[in-house]
Amino acid sequence: MSGATVNQHAVWWLWPNTRLLRYPGRANFMVLQILPDGPERTVETWDFYFETKELTAVELDGVRYIDEMLQQQDISIVESVQRGMRTPAFDQGRIGYDPAGSGLSEHRAHHFHGLLLDAYRA
């Protein structure tokens, strides 16, 4: 990308509900907060920071992709999983966990849930 000052995608998680992201391109930074809003509802807020107030066409396309495509897909998937978990057919754990970390596992989610439990216990 012409004028790119960032060459790698990176993600950092801040305990317990904030994710910091950057994407290749001009200097940019995103903050995603995941906020509980009841037992079965979550609100996500995105803040985007760019090198200048005027975004390039590529940057605008990236923001639109996150907002109109990626987030909409994620919302549909999460809502579908939640509906399924409320049915009598659901009789297993909430995540797929393989302690060996095979890549077919949600061991990071399992670890995060353990951190939450420890925090509640404290």
PDB file of N, CA and C in Angstrom:
ATOM      1  N   MET A   1       0.845  -1.177   0.000  1.00  0.00           N
ATOM      2  CA  MET A   1       0.000   0.000   0.000  1.00  0.00           C
ATOM      3  C   MET A   1       0.892   1.241   0.000  1.00  0.00           C
ATOM      4  N   SER A   2       0.605   2.172  -0.845  1.00  0.00           N
ATOM      5  CA  SER A   2       1.383   3.403  -0.937  1.00  0.00           C
ATOM      6  C   SER A   2       1.201   4.231   0.330  1.00  0.00           C
ATOM      7  N   GLY A   3       2.293   4.715   0.891  1.00  0.00           N
ATOM      8  CA  GLY A   3       2.241   5.541   2.093  1.00  0.00           C
ATOM      9  C   GLY A   3       2.053   4.753   3.374  1.00  0.00           C
ATOM     10  N   ALA A   4       2.145   3.437   3.316  1.00  0.00           N
ATOM     11  CA  ALA A   4       1.936   2.610   4.505  1.00  0.00           C
ATOM     12  C   ALA A   4       3.055   2.832   5.516  1.00  0.00           C
ATOM     13  N   THR A   5       2.676   3.120   6.745  1.00  0.00           N
ATOM     14  CA  THR A   5       3.651   3.232   7.829  1.00  0.00           C
ATOM     15  C   THR A   5       3.514   2.068   8.798  1.00  0.00           C
ATOM     16  N   VAL A   6       2.424   1.321   8.696  1.00  0.00           N
ATOM     17  CA  VAL A   6       2.189   0.131   9.513  1.00  0.00           C
ATOM     18  C   VAL A   6       2.194  -1.064   8.574  1.00  0.00           C
ATOM     19  N   ASN A   7       3.034  -2.040   8.863  1.00  0.00           N
ATOM     20  CA  ASN A   7       3.179  -3.176   7.958  1.00  0.00           C
ATOM     21  C   ASN A   7       2.563  -4.469   8.468  1.00  0.00           C
ATOM     22  N   GLN A   8       2.148  -4.500   9.735  1.00  0.00           N
ATOM     23  CA  GLN A   8       1.611  -5.731  10.295  1.00  0.00           C
ATOM     24  C   GLN A   8       0.306  -5.470  11.034  1.00  0.00           C
ATOM     25  N   HIS A   9      -0.574  -6.468  10.968  1.00  0.00           N
ATOM     26  CA  HIS A   9      -1.801  -6.454  11.758  1.00  0.00           C
ATOM     27  C   HIS A   9      -1.433  -6.887  13.175  1.00  0.00           C
ATOM     28  N   ALA A  10      -1.987  -6.255  14.166  1.00  0.00           N
ATOM     29  CA  ALA A  10      -1.716  -6.630  15.548  1.00  0.00           C
ATOM     30  C   ALA A  10      -2.977  -6.440  16.381  1.00  0.00           C
ATOM     31  N   VAL A  11      -3.120  -7.290  17.399  1.00  0.00           N
ATOM     32  CA  VAL A  11      -4.254  -7.217  18.315  1.00  0.00           C
ATOM     33  C   VAL A  11      -3.737  -7.399  19.733  1.00  0.00           C
ATOM     34  N   TRP A  12      -4.200  -6.564  20.643  1.00  0.00           N
ATOM     35  CA  TRP A  12      -3.876  -6.678  22.060  1.00  0.00           C
ATOM     36  C   TRP A  12      -5.184  -6.696  22.842  1.00  0.00           C
ATOM     37  N   TRP A  13      -5.293  -7.614  23.799  1.00  0.00           N
ATOM     38  CA  TRP A  13      -6.457  -7.679  24.683  1.00  0.00           C
ATOM     39  C   TRP A  13      -6.098  -7.014  26.005  1.00  0.00           C
ATOM     40  N   LEU A  14      -6.973  -6.149  26.481  1.00  0.00           N
ATOM     41  CA  LEU A  14      -6.824  -5.535  27.809  1.00  0.00           C
ATOM     42  C   LEU A  14      -7.931  -6.074  28.700  1.00  0.00           C
ATOM     43  N   TRP A  15      -7.536  -6.618  29.811  1.00  0.00           N
ATOM     44  CA  TRP A  15      -8.492  -7.215  30.741  1.00  0.00           C
ATOM     45  C   TRP A  15      -9.511  -6.204  31.203  1.00  0.00           C
ATOM     46  N   PRO A  16     -10.788  -6.504  31.268  1.00  0.00           N
ATOM     47  CA  PRO A  16     -11.388  -7.750  30.833  1.00  0.00           C
ATOM     48  C   PRO A  16     -12.143  -7.628  29.506  1.00  0.00           C
ATOM     49  N   ASN A  17     -12.329  -6.422  28.973  1.00  0.00           N
ATOM     50  CA  ASN A  17     -13.278  -6.307  27.864  1.00  0.00           C
ATOM     51  C   ASN A  17     -12.850  -5.349  26.748  1.00  0.00           C
ATOM     52  N   THR A  18     -11.580  -5.107  26.598  1.00  0.00           N
ATOM     53  CA  THR A  18     -11.130  -4.135  25.597  1.00  0.00           C
ATOM     54  C   THR A  18     -10.096  -4.778  24.683  1.00  0.00           C
ATOM     55  N   ARG A  19     -10.228  -4.485  23.412  1.00  0.00           N
ATOM     56  CA  ARG A  19      -9.265  -4.995  22.430  1.00  0.00           C
ATOM     57  C   ARG A  19      -8.731  -3.807  21.642  1.00  0.00           C
ATOM     58  N   LEU A  20      -7.421  -3.750  21.483  1.00  0.00           N
ATOM     59  CA  LEU A  20      -6.754  -2.725  20.683  1.00  0.00           C
ATOM     60  C   LEU A  20      -6.271  -3.389  19.404  1.00  0.00           C
ATOM     61  N   LEU A  21      -6.460  -2.720  18.262  1.00  0.00           N
ATOM     62  CA  LEU A  21      -6.102  -3.313  16.982  1.00  0.00           C
ATOM     63  C   LEU A  21      -5.398  -2.283  16.110  1.00  0.00           C
ATOM     64  N   ARG A  22      -4.576  -2.783  15.213  1.00  0.00           N
ATOM     65  CA  ARG A  22      -4.037  -1.942  14.156  1.00  0.00           C
ATOM     66  C   ARG A  22      -3.953  -2.804  12.901  1.00  0.00           C
ATOM     67  N   TYR A  23      -4.133  -2.153  11.772  1.00  0.00           N
ATOM     68  CA  TYR A  23      -4.100  -2.834  10.485  1.00  0.00           C
ATOM     69  C   TYR A  23      -3.013  -2.220   9.620  1.00  0.00           C
ATOM     70  N   PRO A  24      -2.496  -2.972   8.668  1.00  0.00           N
ATOM     71  CA  PRO A  24      -1.514  -2.401   7.748  1.00  0.00           C
ATOM     72  C   PRO A  24      -2.081  -1.187   7.010  1.00  0.00           C
ATOM     73  N   GLY A  25      -1.231  -0.235   6.736  1.00  0.00           N
ATOM     74  CA  GLY A  25      -1.628   0.988   6.036  1.00  0.00           C
ATOM     75  C   GLY A  25      -0.971   2.189   6.689  1.00  0.00           C
ATOM     76  N   ARG A  26      -1.607   3.343   6.518  1.00  0.00           N
ATOM     77  CA  ARG A  26      -1.114   4.517   7.234  1.00  0.00           C
ATOM     78  C   ARG A  26      -1.357   4.302   8.715  1.00  0.00           C
ATOM     79  N   ALA A  27      -0.752   5.134   9.547  1.00  0.00           N
ATOM     80  CA  ALA A  27      -0.900   4.988  10.993  1.00  0.00           C
ATOM     81  C   ALA A  27      -2.384   4.928  11.361  1.00  0.00           C
ATOM     82  N   ASN A  28      -2.756   3.896  12.114  1.00  0.00           N
ATOM     83  CA  ASN A  28      -4.143   3.715  12.521  1.00  0.00           C
ATOM     84  C   ASN A  28      -4.187   2.934  13.816  1.00  0.00           C
ATOM     85  N   PHE A  29      -5.304   3.037  14.486  1.00  0.00           N
ATOM     86  CA  PHE A  29      -5.488   2.372  15.761  1.00  0.00           C
ATOM     87  C   PHE A  29      -6.980   2.248  16.007  1.00  0.00           C
ATOM     88  N   MET A  30      -7.420   1.105  16.477  1.00  0.00           N
ATOM     89  CA  MET A  30      -8.829   0.898  16.778  1.00  0.00           C
ATOM     90  C   MET A  30      -8.979   0.388  18.203  1.00  0.00           C
ATOM     91  N   VAL A  31     -10.047   0.810  18.862  1.00  0.00           N
ATOM     92  CA  VAL A  31     -10.368   0.354  20.205  1.00  0.00           C
ATOM     93  C   VAL A  31     -11.754  -0.272  20.152  1.00  0.00           C
ATOM     94  N   LEU A  32     -11.837  -1.532  20.535  1.00  0.00           N
ATOM     95  CA  LEU A  32     -13.109  -2.243  20.607  1.00  0.00           C
ATOM     96  C   LEU A  32     -13.386  -2.544  22.067  1.00  0.00           C
ATOM     97  N   GLN A  33     -14.538  -2.090  22.557  1.00  0.00           N
ATOM     98  CA  GLN A  33     -14.956  -2.427  23.921  1.00  0.00           C
ATOM     99  C   GLN A  33     -16.197  -3.292  23.835  1.00  0.00           C
ATOM    100  N   ILE A  34     -16.211  -4.335  24.642  1.00  0.00           N
ATOM    101  CA  ILE A  34     -17.322  -5.270  24.690  1.00  0.00           C
ATOM    102  C   ILE A  34     -17.957  -5.113  26.068  1.00  0.00           C
ATOM    103  N   LEU A  35     -19.170  -4.573  26.089  1.00  0.00           N
ATOM    104  CA  LEU A  35     -19.803  -4.197  27.352  1.00  0.00           C
ATOM    105  C   LEU A  35     -21.053  -5.030  27.597  1.00  0.00           C
ATOM    106  N   PRO A  36     -21.142  -5.736  28.740  1.00  0.00           N
ATOM    107  CA  PRO A  36     -22.364  -6.475  29.044  1.00  0.00           C
ATOM    108  C   PRO A  36     -23.523  -5.518  29.247  1.00  0.00           C
ATOM    109  N   ASP A  37     -24.706  -5.936  28.765  1.00  0.00           N
ATOM    110  CA  ASP A  37     -25.915  -5.123  28.891  1.00  0.00           C
ATOM    111  C   ASP A  37     -27.078  -6.032  29.287  1.00  0.00           C
ATOM    112  N   GLY A  38     -26.828  -6.905  30.250  1.00  0.00           N
ATOM    113  CA  GLY A  38     -27.830  -7.862  30.687  1.00  0.00           C
ATOM    114  C   GLY A  38     -27.311  -9.278  30.504  1.00  0.00           C
ATOM    115  N   PRO A  39     -28.067 -10.264  30.980  1.00  0.00           N
ATOM    116  CA  PRO A  39     -27.587 -11.641  30.940  1.00  0.00           C
ATOM    117  C   PRO A  39     -27.447 -12.213  29.524  1.00  0.00           C
ATOM    118  N   GLU A  40     -28.160 -11.675  28.558  1.00  0.00           N
ATOM    119  CA  GLU A  40     -28.079 -12.214  27.200  1.00  0.00           C
ATOM    120  C   GLU A  40     -27.877 -11.124  26.156  1.00  0.00           C
ATOM    121  N   ARG A  41     -27.266 -10.033  26.563  1.00  0.00           N
ATOM    122  CA  ARG A  41     -27.073  -8.919  25.625  1.00  0.00           C
ATOM    123  C   ARG A  41     -25.704  -8.293  25.858  1.00  0.00           C
ATOM    124  N   THR A  42     -25.039  -7.973  24.753  1.00  0.00           N
ATOM    125  CA  THR A  42     -23.728  -7.328  24.802  1.00  0.00           C
ATOM    126  C   THR A  42     -23.724  -6.174  23.807  1.00  0.00           C
ATOM    127  N   VAL A  43     -23.077  -5.088  24.167  1.00  0.00           N
ATOM    128  CA  VAL A  43     -22.927  -3.938  23.284  1.00  0.00           C
ATOM    129  C   VAL A  43     -21.439  -3.789  22.965  1.00  0.00           C
ATOM    130  N   GLU A  44     -21.125  -3.675  21.679  1.00  0.00           N
ATOM    131  CA  GLU A  44     -19.743  -3.427  21.266  1.00  0.00           C
ATOM    132  C   GLU A  44     -19.629  -1.999  20.762  1.00  0.00           C
ATOM    133  N   THR A  45     -18.589  -1.326  21.197  1.00  0.00           N
ATOM    134  CA  THR A  45     -18.317   0.017  20.691  1.00  0.00           C
ATOM    135  C   THR A  45     -16.945   0.010  20.026  1.00  0.00           C
ATOM    136  N   TRP A  46     -16.871   0.629  18.866  1.00  0.00           N
ATOM    137  CA  TRP A  46     -15.616   0.754  18.109  1.00  0.00           C
ATOM    138  C   TRP A  46     -15.233   2.221  18.042  1.00  0.00           C
ATOM    139  N   ASP A  47     -13.975   2.510  18.296  1.00  0.00           N
ATOM    140  CA  ASP A  47     -13.420   3.840  18.050  1.00  0.00           C
ATOM    141  C   ASP A  47     -12.254   3.657  17.081  1.00  0.00           C
ATOM    142  N   PHE A  48     -12.261   4.429  16.017  1.00  0.00           N
ATOM    143  CA  PHE A  48     -11.224   4.351  14.994  1.00  0.00           C
ATOM    144  C   PHE A  48     -10.375   5.611  15.048  1.00  0.00           C
ATOM    145  N   TYR A  49      -9.079   5.446  14.994  1.00  0.00           N
ATOM    146  CA  TYR A  49      -8.147   6.571  14.982  1.00  0.00           C
ATOM    147  C   TYR A  49      -7.221   6.404  13.783  1.00  0.00           C
ATOM    148  N   PHE A  50      -7.100   7.472  13.007  1.00  0.00           N
ATOM    149  CA  PHE A  50      -6.269   7.430  11.810  1.00  0.00           C
ATOM    150  C   PHE A  50      -5.271   8.583  11.816  1.00  0.00           C
ATOM    151  N   GLU A  51      -4.337   8.510  10.913  1.00  0.00           N
ATOM    152  CA  GLU A  51      -3.261   9.493  10.817  1.00  0.00           C
ATOM    153  C   GLU A  51      -3.803  10.903  10.560  1.00  0.00           C
ATOM    154  N   THR A  52      -4.840  10.995   9.756  1.00  0.00           N
ATOM    155  CA  THR A  52      -5.446  12.298   9.449  1.00  0.00           C
ATOM    156  C   THR A  52      -6.958  12.193   9.560  1.00  0.00           C
ATOM    157  N   LYS A  53      -7.627  13.329   9.655  1.00  0.00           N
ATOM    158  CA  LYS A  53      -9.088  13.335   9.708  1.00  0.00           C
ATOM    159  C   LYS A  53      -9.696  12.869   8.390  1.00  0.00           C
ATOM    160  N   GLU A  54      -9.016  13.171   7.297  1.00  0.00           N
ATOM    161  CA  GLU A  54      -9.509  12.763   5.987  1.00  0.00           C
ATOM    162  C   GLU A  54      -8.974  11.367   5.679  1.00  0.00           C
ATOM    163  N   LEU A  55      -9.892  10.414   5.510  1.00  0.00           N
ATOM    164  CA  LEU A  55      -9.484   9.043   5.243  1.00  0.00           C
ATOM    165  C   LEU A  55      -9.336   8.810   3.750  1.00  0.00           C
ATOM    166  N   THR A  56      -8.427   7.907   3.416  1.00  0.00           N
ATOM    167  CA  THR A  56      -8.290   7.516   2.016  1.00  0.00           C
ATOM    168  C   THR A  56      -9.461   6.603   1.659  1.00  0.00           C
ATOM    169  N   ALA A  57      -9.641   6.364   0.378  1.00  0.00           N
ATOM    170  CA  ALA A  57     -10.708   5.467  -0.073  1.00  0.00           C
ATOM    171  C   ALA A  57     -10.518   4.068   0.500  1.00  0.00           C
ATOM    172  N   VAL A  58      -9.280   3.605   0.591  1.00  0.00           N
ATOM    173  CA  VAL A  58      -8.988   2.276   1.135  1.00  0.00           C
ATOM    174  C   VAL A  58      -9.351   2.221   2.622  1.00  0.00           C
ATOM    175  N   GLU A  59      -9.035   3.273   3.357  1.00  0.00           N
ATOM    176  CA  GLU A  59      -9.363   3.311   4.785  1.00  0.00           C
ATOM    177  C   GLU A  59     -10.879   3.325   4.994  1.00  0.00           C
ATOM    178  N   LEU A  60     -11.582   4.115   4.188  1.00  0.00           N
ATOM    179  CA  LEU A  60     -13.048   4.139   4.271  1.00  0.00           C
ATOM    180  C   LEU A  60     -13.633   2.770   3.962  1.00  0.00           C
ATOM    181  N   ASP A  61     -13.090   2.103   2.964  1.00  0.00           N
ATOM    182  CA  ASP A  61     -13.544   0.755   2.627  1.00  0.00           C
ATOM    183  C   ASP A  61     -13.312  -0.199   3.799  1.00  0.00           C
ATOM    184  N   GLY A  62     -12.173  -0.058   4.473  1.00  0.00           N
ATOM    185  CA  GLY A  62     -11.869  -0.902   5.626  1.00  0.00           C
ATOM    186  C   GLY A  62     -12.852  -0.706   6.766  1.00  0.00           C
ATOM    187  N   VAL A  63     -13.179   0.550   7.068  1.00  0.00           N
ATOM    188  CA  VAL A  63     -14.147   0.852   8.123  1.00  0.00           C
ATOM    189  C   VAL A  63     -15.516   0.291   7.743  1.00  0.00           C
ATOM    190  N   ARG A  64     -15.921   0.499   6.504  1.00  0.00           N
ATOM    191  CA  ARG A  64     -17.207  -0.028   6.039  1.00  0.00           C
ATOM    192  C   ARG A  64     -17.239  -1.553   6.124  1.00  0.00           C
ATOM    193  N   TYR A  65     -16.131  -2.200   5.758  1.00  0.00           N
ATOM    194  CA  TYR A  65     -16.069  -3.661   5.820  1.00  0.00           C
ATOM    195  C   TYR A  65     -16.276  -4.146   7.255  1.00  0.00           C
ATOM    196  N   ILE A  66     -15.587  -3.521   8.203  1.00  0.00           N
ATOM    197  CA  ILE A  66     -15.746  -3.915   9.605  1.00  0.00           C
ATOM    198  C   ILE A  66     -17.186  -3.700  10.056  1.00  0.00           C
ATOM    199  N   ASP A  67     -17.744  -2.539   9.723  1.00  0.00           N
ATOM    200  CA  ASP A  67     -19.082  -2.173  10.189  1.00  0.00           C
ATOM    201  C   ASP A  67     -20.190  -2.941   9.478  1.00  0.00           C
ATOM    202  N   GLU A  68     -20.121  -3.015   8.170  1.00  0.00           N
ATOM    203  CA  GLU A  68     -21.238  -3.541   7.389  1.00  0.00           C
ATOM    204  C   GLU A  68     -21.137  -5.037   7.092  1.00  0.00           C
ATOM    205  N   MET A  69     -19.943  -5.604   7.143  1.00  0.00           N
ATOM    206  CA  MET A  69     -19.783  -7.010   6.781  1.00  0.00           C
ATOM    207  C   MET A  69     -19.322  -7.839   7.983  1.00  0.00           C
ATOM    208  N   LEU A  70     -18.133  -7.574   8.464  1.00  0.00           N
ATOM    209  CA  LEU A  70     -17.532  -8.395   9.510  1.00  0.00           C
ATOM    210  C   LEU A  70     -18.385  -8.420  10.774  1.00  0.00           C
ATOM    211  N   GLN A  71     -18.756  -7.257  11.281  1.00  0.00           N
ATOM    212  CA  GLN A  71     -19.551  -7.195  12.503  1.00  0.00           C
ATOM    213  C   GLN A  71     -20.920  -7.830  12.309  1.00  0.00           C
ATOM    214  N   GLN A  72     -21.543  -7.595  11.168  1.00  0.00           N
ATOM    215  CA  GLN A  72     -22.867  -8.178  10.919  1.00  0.00           C
ATOM    216  C   GLN A  72     -22.797  -9.698  10.893  1.00  0.00           C
ATOM    217  N   GLN A  73     -21.737 -10.252  10.292  1.00  0.00           N
ATOM    218  CA  GLN A  73     -21.566 -11.707  10.292  1.00  0.00           C
ATOM    219  C   GLN A  73     -21.361 -12.218  11.712  1.00  0.00           C
ATOM    220  N   ASP A  74     -20.503 -11.546  12.466  1.00  0.00           N
ATOM    221  CA  ASP A  74     -20.239 -11.976  13.841  1.00  0.00           C
ATOM    222  C   ASP A  74     -21.509 -11.919  14.686  1.00  0.00           C
ATOM    223  N   ILE A  75     -22.289 -10.861  14.535  1.00  0.00           N
ATOM    224  CA  ILE A  75     -23.528 -10.722  15.307  1.00  0.00           C
ATOM    225  C   ILE A  75     -24.485 -11.867  14.979  1.00  0.00           C
ATOM    226  N   SER A  76     -24.644 -12.169  13.702  1.00  0.00           N
ATOM    227  CA  SER A  76     -25.541 -13.260  13.298  1.00  0.00           C
ATOM    228  C   SER A  76     -25.093 -14.590  13.883  1.00  0.00           C
ATOM    229  N   ILE A  77     -23.787 -14.851  13.834  1.00  0.00           N
ATOM    230  CA  ILE A  77     -23.252 -16.113  14.359  1.00  0.00           C
ATOM    231  C   ILE A  77     -23.487 -16.203  15.866  1.00  0.00           C
ATOM    232  N   VAL A  78     -23.153 -15.151  16.594  1.00  0.00           N
ATOM    233  CA  VAL A  78     -23.298 -15.165  18.055  1.00  0.00           C
ATOM    234  C   VAL A  78     -24.771 -15.312  18.443  1.00  0.00           C
ATOM    235  N   GLU A  79     -25.665 -14.581  17.770  1.00  0.00           N
ATOM    236  CA  GLU A  79     -27.091 -14.691  18.092  1.00  0.00           C
ATOM    237  C   GLU A  79     -27.616 -16.088  17.803  1.00  0.00           C
ATOM    238  N   SER A  80     -27.153 -16.700  16.728  1.00  0.00           N
ATOM    239  CA  SER A  80     -27.572 -18.058  16.393  1.00  0.00           C
ATOM    240  C   SER A  80     -27.095 -19.059  17.454  1.00  0.00           C
ATOM    241  N   VAL A  81     -25.847 -18.915  17.879  1.00  0.00           N
ATOM    242  CA  VAL A  81     -25.316 -19.802  18.917  1.00  0.00           C
ATOM    243  C   VAL A  81     -26.108 -19.627  20.209  1.00  0.00           C
ATOM    244  N   GLN A  82     -26.416 -18.384  20.578  1.00  0.00           N
ATOM    245  CA  GLN A  82     -27.175 -18.133  21.807  1.00  0.00           C
ATOM    246  C   GLN A  82     -28.560 -18.769  21.735  1.00  0.00           C
ATOM    247  N   ARG A  83     -29.229 -18.665  20.587  1.00  0.00           N
ATOM    248  CA  ARG A  83     -30.546 -19.307  20.431  1.00  0.00           C
ATOM    249  C   ARG A  83     -30.412 -20.816  20.624  1.00  0.00           C
ATOM    250  N   GLY A  84     -29.388 -21.407  20.016  1.00  0.00           N
ATOM    251  CA  GLY A  84     -29.184 -22.842  20.130  1.00  0.00           C
ATOM    252  C   GLY A  84     -28.897 -23.278  21.555  1.00  0.00           C
ATOM    253  N   MET A  85     -28.178 -22.470  22.307  1.00  0.00           N
ATOM    254  CA  MET A  85     -27.841 -22.825  23.685  1.00  0.00           C
ATOM    255  C   MET A  85     -29.062 -22.788  24.599  1.00  0.00           C
ATOM    256  N   ARG A  86     -30.130 -22.115  24.173  1.00  0.00           N
ATOM    257  CA  ARG A  86     -31.350 -22.045  24.983  1.00  0.00           C
ATOM    258  C   ARG A  86     -32.319 -23.194  24.670  1.00  0.00           C
ATOM    259  N   THR A  87     -31.954 -24.091  23.777  1.00  0.00           N
ATOM    260  CA  THR A  87     -32.843 -25.186  23.410  1.00  0.00           C
ATOM    261  C   THR A  87     -32.547 -26.429  24.240  1.00  0.00           C
ATOM    262  N   PRO A  88     -33.542 -27.322  24.369  1.00  0.00           N
ATOM    263  CA  PRO A  88     -33.306 -28.574  25.100  1.00  0.00           C
ATOM    264  C   PRO A  88     -32.252 -29.465  24.438  1.00  0.00           C
ATOM    265  N   ALA A  89     -31.997 -29.259  23.165  1.00  0.00           N
ATOM    266  CA  ALA A  89     -31.019 -30.087  22.455  1.00  0.00           C
ATOM    267  C   ALA A  89     -29.589 -29.787  22.892  1.00  0.00           C
ATOM    268  N   PHE A  90     -29.369 -28.650  23.502  1.00  0.00           N
ATOM    269  CA  PHE A  90     -28.014 -28.272  23.918  1.00  0.00           C
ATOM    270  C   PHE A  90     -27.687 -28.959  25.229  1.00  0.00           C
ATOM    271  N   ASP A  91     -26.739 -29.892  25.200  1.00  0.00           N
ATOM    272  CA  ASP A  91     -26.395 -30.630  26.415  1.00  0.00           C
ATOM    273  C   ASP A  91     -24.884 -30.764  26.606  1.00  0.00           C
ATOM    274  N   GLN A  92     -24.119 -29.857  26.002  1.00  0.00           N
ATOM    275  CA  GLN A  92     -22.660 -29.939  26.126  1.00  0.00           C
ATOM    276  C   GLN A  92     -22.120 -28.643  26.711  1.00  0.00           C
ATOM    277  N   GLY A  93     -20.829 -28.567  26.818  1.00  0.00           N
ATOM    278  CA  GLY A  93     -20.202 -27.361  27.338  1.00  0.00           C
ATOM    279  C   GLY A  93     -20.373 -26.184  26.400  1.00  0.00           C
ATOM    280  N   ARG A  94     -20.088 -25.019  26.890  1.00  0.00           N
ATOM    281  CA  ARG A  94     -20.278 -23.801  26.103  1.00  0.00           C
ATOM    282  C   ARG A  94     -19.192 -23.595  25.058  1.00  0.00           C
ATOM    283  N   ILE A  95     -18.040 -24.235  25.207  1.00  0.00           N
ATOM    284  CA  ILE A  95     -16.966 -24.077  24.226  1.00  0.00           C
ATOM    285  C   ILE A  95     -16.352 -25.432  23.913  1.00  0.00           C
ATOM    286  N   GLY A  96     -15.692 -25.514  22.789  1.00  0.00           N
ATOM    287  CA  GLY A  96     -14.905 -26.694  22.460  1.00  0.00           C
ATOM    288  C   GLY A  96     -13.530 -26.531  23.068  1.00  0.00           C
ATOM    289  N   TYR A  97     -13.137 -27.448  23.943  1.00  0.00           N
ATOM    290  CA  TYR A  97     -11.869 -27.285  24.633  1.00  0.00           C
ATOM    291  C   TYR A  97     -11.023 -28.541  24.491  1.00  0.00           C
ATOM    292  N   ASP A  98      -9.831 -28.375  23.991  1.00  0.00           N
ATOM    293  CA  ASP A  98      -8.840 -29.443  23.898  1.00  0.00           C
ATOM    294  C   ASP A  98      -7.612 -28.973  24.661  1.00  0.00           C
ATOM    295  N   PRO A  99      -7.337 -29.533  25.848  1.00  0.00           N
ATOM    296  CA  PRO A  99      -6.199 -29.075  26.646  1.00  0.00           C
ATOM    297  C   PRO A  99      -4.872 -29.146  25.907  1.00  0.00           C
ATOM    298  N   ALA A 100      -4.791 -29.999  24.873  1.00  0.00           N
ATOM    299  CA  ALA A 100      -3.551 -30.101  24.104  1.00  0.00           C
ATOM    300  C   ALA A 100      -3.375 -28.920  23.160  1.00  0.00           C
ATOM    301  N   GLY A 101      -4.391 -28.073  23.003  1.00  0.00           N
ATOM    302  CA  GLY A 101      -4.277 -26.894  22.144  1.00  0.00           C
ATOM    303  C   GLY A 101      -4.107 -27.245  20.682  1.00  0.00           C
ATOM    304  N   SER A 102      -4.942 -28.153  20.180  1.00  0.00           N
ATOM    305  CA  SER A 102      -4.795 -28.680  18.830  1.00  0.00           C
ATOM    306  C   SER A 102      -5.095 -27.664  17.731  1.00  0.00           C
ATOM    307  N   GLY A 103      -5.672 -26.535  18.075  1.00  0.00           N
ATOM    308  CA  GLY A 103      -6.124 -25.593  17.052  1.00  0.00           C
ATOM    309  C   GLY A 103      -7.588 -25.802  16.750  1.00  0.00           C
ATOM    310  N   LEU A 104      -8.137 -26.939  17.177  1.00  0.00           N
ATOM    311  CA  LEU A 104      -9.569 -27.208  17.038  1.00  0.00           C
ATOM    312  C   LEU A 104     -10.275 -26.869  18.344  1.00  0.00           C
ATOM    313  N   SER A 105      -9.601 -26.135  19.163  1.00  0.00           N
ATOM    314  CA  SER A 105     -10.033 -25.850  20.514  1.00  0.00           C
ATOM    315  C   SER A 105     -10.231 -24.350  20.707  1.00  0.00           C
ATOM    316  N   GLU A 106     -11.056 -24.026  21.667  1.00  0.00           N
ATOM    317  CA  GLU A 106     -11.201 -22.625  22.076  1.00  0.00           C
ATOM    318  C   GLU A 106     -10.491 -22.439  23.415  1.00  0.00           C
ATOM    319  N   HIS A 107      -9.225 -22.901  23.475  1.00  0.00           N
ATOM    320  CA  HIS A 107      -8.507 -22.852  24.742  1.00  0.00           C
ATOM    321  C   HIS A 107      -8.272 -21.425  25.226  1.00  0.00           C
ATOM    322  N   ARG A 108      -8.175 -20.471  24.327  1.00  0.00           N
ATOM    323  CA  ARG A 108      -8.004 -19.077  24.778  1.00  0.00           C
ATOM    324  C   ARG A 108      -9.278 -18.577  25.450  1.00  0.00           C
ATOM    325  N   ALA A 109     -10.432 -18.935  24.877  1.00  0.00           N
ATOM    326  CA  ALA A 109     -11.709 -18.570  25.504  1.00  0.00           C
ATOM    327  C   ALA A 109     -11.839 -19.269  26.857  1.00  0.00           C
ATOM    328  N   HIS A 110     -11.424 -20.525  26.926  1.00  0.00           N
ATOM    329  CA  HIS A 110     -11.456 -21.266  28.181  1.00  0.00           C
ATOM    330  C   HIS A 110     -10.572 -20.580  29.228  1.00  0.00           C
ATOM    331  N   HIS A 111      -9.384 -20.168  28.833  1.00  0.00           N
ATOM    332  CA  HIS A 111      -8.483 -19.458  29.745  1.00  0.00           C
ATOM    333  C   HIS A 111      -9.119 -18.151  30.224  1.00  0.00           C
ATOM    334  N   PHE A 112      -9.717 -17.400  29.298  1.00  0.00           N
ATOM    335  CA  PHE A 112     -10.368 -16.139  29.652  1.00  0.00           C
ATOM    336  C   PHE A 112     -11.499 -16.385  30.651  1.00  0.00           C
ATOM    337  N   HIS A 113     -12.303 -17.427  30.422  1.00  0.00           N
ATOM    338  CA  HIS A 113     -13.384 -17.736  31.354  1.00  0.00           C
ATOM    339  C   HIS A 113     -12.824 -18.064  32.738  1.00  0.00           C
ATOM    340  N   GLY A 114     -11.674 -18.757  32.780  1.00  0.00           N
ATOM    341  CA  GLY A 114     -11.018 -19.026  34.059  1.00  0.00           C
ATOM    342  C   GLY A 114     -10.601 -17.741  34.758  1.00  0.00           C
ATOM    343  N   LEU A 115     -10.088 -16.783  33.997  1.00  0.00           N
ATOM    344  CA  LEU A 115      -9.712 -15.481  34.580  1.00  0.00           C
ATOM    345  C   LEU A 115     -10.935 -14.781  35.171  1.00  0.00           C
ATOM    346  N   LEU A 116     -12.050 -14.844  34.439  1.00  0.00           N
ATOM    347  CA  LEU A 116     -13.283 -14.235  34.951  1.00  0.00           C
ATOM    348  C   LEU A 116     -13.717 -14.903  36.267  1.00  0.00           C
ATOM    349  N   LEU A 117     -13.705 -16.224  36.277  1.00  0.00           N
ATOM    350  CA  LEU A 117     -14.090 -16.939  37.501  1.00  0.00           C
ATOM    351  C   LEU A 117     -13.201 -16.553  38.667  1.00  0.00           C
ATOM    352  N   ASP A 118     -11.901 -16.481  38.437  1.00  0.00           N
ATOM    353  CA  ASP A 118     -10.960 -16.075  39.495  1.00  0.00           C
ATOM    354  C   ASP A 118     -11.265 -14.671  39.982  1.00  0.00           C
ATOM    355  N   ALA A 119     -11.587 -13.767  39.052  1.00  0.00           N
ATOM    356  CA  ALA A 119     -11.906 -12.389  39.443  1.00  0.00           C
ATOM    357  C   ALA A 119     -13.184 -12.320  40.267  1.00  0.00           C
ATOM    358  N   TYR A 120     -14.202 -13.096  39.875  1.00  0.00           N
ATOM    359  CA  TYR A 120     -15.452 -13.120  40.650  1.00  0.00           C
ATOM    360  C   TYR A 120     -15.217 -13.689  42.042  1.00  0.00           C
ATOM    361  N   ARG A 121     -14.400 -14.726  42.115  1.00  0.00           N
ATOM    362  CA  ARG A 121     -14.128 -15.346  43.413  1.00  0.00           C
ATOM    363  C   ARG A 121     -13.388 -14.381  44.346  1.00  0.00           C
ATOM    364  N   ALA A 122     -12.545 -13.533  43.780  1.00  0.00           N
ATOM    365  CA  ALA A 122     -11.771 -12.588  44.587  1.00  0.00           C
ATOM    366  C   ALA A 122     -12.692 -11.500  45.103  1.00  0.00           C
TER     367      ALA A 122
END
